[in-house]
């Protein structure tokens, strides 16, 4: 089964992977957060083929993470902007960068960093529960199947 066939799956992880489940899509989203908006800009920064880029942008647009806005009339050209849903992906990008930095070390410095808007200080992210404020990790959270979901299929 292909990833995009999982878009209607009951599992939220599978549904998310149907949208962002390949390297190009994640890198396109990274570029969006870095301010890239135009097709040529994505292509230049990523070195991705036009066909693949167009396909991934369409997928992100149909999933509601990006929205096209015209910036030129003749010929008609569009730029791609993050929607609220796309902006809500920021913590996932932050978590991926943090996980990679801590578990996949590299001698080169990272091409991007996350800093606080108010003072530019680099951050050290941690995932917490909104209600309790407790840090969430493999020691504090148990992943378990829902018995209702498992019984249905």
Protein backbone atom coordinates (compact mmCIF):
# COMPACT_ATOMS: atom_id res chain seq x y z
CA UNK A 1 0.00 0.00 0.00
CA UNK A 2 1.28 3.46 -0.89
CA UNK A 3 1.49 6.24 1.71
CA UNK A 4 -1.05 8.45 0.00
CA UNK A 5 -3.55 5.57 0.21
CA UNK A 6 -3.48 5.98 4.01
CA UNK A 7 -5.19 9.41 3.99
CA UNK A 8 -8.42 7.96 5.40
CA UNK A 9 -6.82 5.59 7.93
CA UNK A 10 -8.07 5.60 11.51
CA UNK A 11 -4.48 5.95 12.78
CA UNK A 12 -3.47 9.64 12.97
CA UNK A 13 0.19 8.76 12.35
CA UNK A 14 -0.74 6.94 9.13
CA UNK A 15 -2.91 9.88 8.00
CA UNK A 16 -0.08 12.32 8.68
CA UNK A 17 2.38 10.15 6.77
CA UNK A 18 -0.01 10.13 3.80
CA UNK A 19 0.62 13.87 3.56
CA UNK A 20 4.22 14.37 4.74
CA UNK A 21 5.64 10.86 4.36
CA UNK A 22 8.58 11.59 2.09
CA UNK A 23 11.75 13.63 2.32
CA UNK A 24 10.81 16.16 -0.35
CA UNK A 25 7.58 17.14 1.36
CA UNK A 26 9.34 17.73 4.67
CA UNK A 27 12.06 19.75 2.95
CA UNK A 28 9.46 21.83 1.09
CA UNK A 29 7.78 22.58 4.42
CA UNK A 30 11.17 23.48 5.91
CA UNK A 31 11.70 25.93 3.07
CA UNK A 32 8.25 27.43 3.66
CA UNK A 33 9.21 28.13 7.28
CA UNK A 34 12.43 29.70 6.03
CA UNK A 35 10.41 32.06 3.83
CA UNK A 36 10.55 30.40 0.41
CA UNK A 37 7.25 30.92 -1.42
CA UNK A 38 7.83 30.62 -5.14
CA UNK A 39 8.19 27.51 -7.29
CA UNK A 40 11.58 28.57 -8.68
CA UNK A 41 12.81 29.30 -5.17
CA UNK A 42 11.91 25.81 -3.97
CA UNK A 43 13.50 24.26 -7.00
CA UNK A 44 16.70 26.27 -6.67
CA UNK A 45 17.10 25.67 -2.92
CA UNK A 46 16.22 21.96 -3.01
CA UNK A 47 17.47 20.80 -6.42
CA UNK A 48 14.20 18.90 -6.92
CA UNK A 49 12.79 18.18 -10.38
CA UNK A 50 9.92 20.39 -11.58
CA UNK A 51 7.57 17.41 -11.89
CA UNK A 52 8.21 16.15 -8.36
CA UNK A 53 8.01 19.65 -6.88
CA UNK A 54 4.69 20.35 -8.61
CA UNK A 55 3.30 17.04 -7.35
CA UNK A 56 4.37 17.67 -3.74
CA UNK A 57 3.08 21.25 -3.75
CA UNK A 58 -0.30 20.02 -5.04
CA UNK A 59 -0.42 17.40 -2.29
CA UNK A 60 0.36 19.98 0.39
CA UNK A 61 -2.23 22.33 -1.05
CA UNK A 62 -4.95 19.66 -1.24
CA UNK A 63 -4.15 18.61 2.34
CA UNK A 64 -4.62 22.21 3.47
CA UNK A 65 -1.04 22.97 4.57
CA UNK A 66 -0.32 25.40 1.74
CA UNK A 67 -2.45 27.87 -0.19
CA UNK A 68 -1.60 29.36 -3.57
CA UNK A 69 -1.73 33.15 -3.97
CA UNK A 70 -1.21 34.91 -7.31
CA UNK A 71 1.73 37.29 -7.41
CA UNK A 72 1.80 37.95 -11.17
CA UNK A 73 -0.98 38.21 -13.76
CA UNK A 74 0.75 37.81 -17.14
CA UNK A 75 1.71 35.09 -17.16
CA UNK A 76 -0.27 33.98 -14.11
CA UNK A 77 2.12 32.85 -11.37
CA UNK A 78 1.44 31.79 -7.82
CA UNK A 79 3.36 31.65 -4.59
CA UNK A 80 2.74 29.13 -1.84
CA UNK A 81 2.00 30.26 1.69
CA UNK A 82 1.54 28.24 4.83
CA UNK A 83 -2.05 28.01 6.04
CA UNK A 84 -2.91 27.85 9.74
CA UNK A 85 -2.71 24.07 9.41
CA UNK A 86 0.73 24.38 7.81
CA UNK A 87 1.91 26.77 10.52
CA UNK A 88 0.70 24.27 13.13
CA UNK A 89 3.32 21.88 11.72
CA UNK A 90 6.12 24.05 13.19
CA UNK A 91 6.44 22.04 16.44
CA UNK A 92 6.87 18.87 14.38
CA UNK A 93 9.74 20.46 12.45
CA UNK A 94 11.23 21.65 15.72
CA UNK A 95 10.96 18.14 17.21
CA UNK A 96 12.54 16.56 14.11
CA UNK A 97 15.47 18.95 14.22
CA UNK A 98 15.95 18.40 17.94
CA UNK A 99 15.75 14.61 17.62
CA UNK A 100 18.22 14.60 14.74
CA UNK A 101 20.64 16.93 16.54
CA UNK A 102 20.62 14.65 19.60
CA UNK A 103 20.56 11.25 17.89
CA UNK A 104 22.13 11.68 14.46
CA UNK A 105 25.18 13.86 15.16
CA UNK A 106 26.95 15.61 12.31
CA UNK A 107 30.29 17.40 12.25
CA UNK A 108 28.88 20.23 10.15
CA UNK A 109 26.75 22.93 11.72
CA UNK A 110 23.02 22.69 11.05
CA UNK A 111 21.81 24.94 8.21
CA UNK A 112 18.90 26.14 10.34
CA UNK A 113 18.30 26.81 14.00
CA UNK A 114 15.27 27.63 16.07
CA UNK A 115 15.39 30.77 18.18
CA UNK A 116 12.93 32.75 20.27
CA UNK A 117 11.34 35.60 18.32
CA UNK A 118 11.50 37.99 21.27
CA UNK A 119 15.26 37.82 21.89
CA UNK A 120 16.90 35.49 19.33
CA UNK A 121 18.03 33.03 22.01
CA UNK A 122 18.49 29.48 20.73
CA UNK A 123 15.96 27.09 22.20
CA UNK A 124 16.22 23.64 23.76
CA UNK A 125 12.76 22.20 23.07
CA UNK A 126 10.81 19.83 25.28
CA UNK A 127 7.35 18.40 24.66
CA UNK A 128 4.91 18.88 27.53
CA UNK A 129 1.31 18.02 28.26
CA UNK A 130 -0.93 21.06 27.89
CA UNK A 131 -3.06 20.17 30.94
CA UNK A 132 -0.49 19.02 33.47
CA UNK A 133 2.71 20.66 32.18
CA UNK A 134 4.47 17.30 32.55
CA UNK A 135 7.32 16.51 30.16
CA UNK A 136 6.34 13.87 27.62
CA UNK A 137 8.81 11.18 26.59
CA UNK A 138 9.20 7.39 26.52
CA UNK A 139 9.41 7.27 30.32
CA UNK A 140 6.30 9.34 31.04
CA UNK A 141 3.94 8.23 28.26
CA UNK A 142 2.62 4.82 27.37
CA UNK A 143 1.35 4.20 23.86
CA UNK A 144 -1.45 1.67 23.89
CA UNK A 145 -4.04 0.53 21.37
CA UNK A 146 -7.61 1.67 21.84
CA UNK A 147 -9.73 -1.43 22.34
CA UNK A 148 -12.69 0.13 20.48
CA UNK A 149 -10.55 0.86 17.40
CA UNK A 150 -8.93 -2.58 17.41
CA UNK A 151 -12.30 -4.32 17.58
CA UNK A 152 -13.46 -2.45 14.44
CA UNK A 153 -10.65 -3.59 12.26
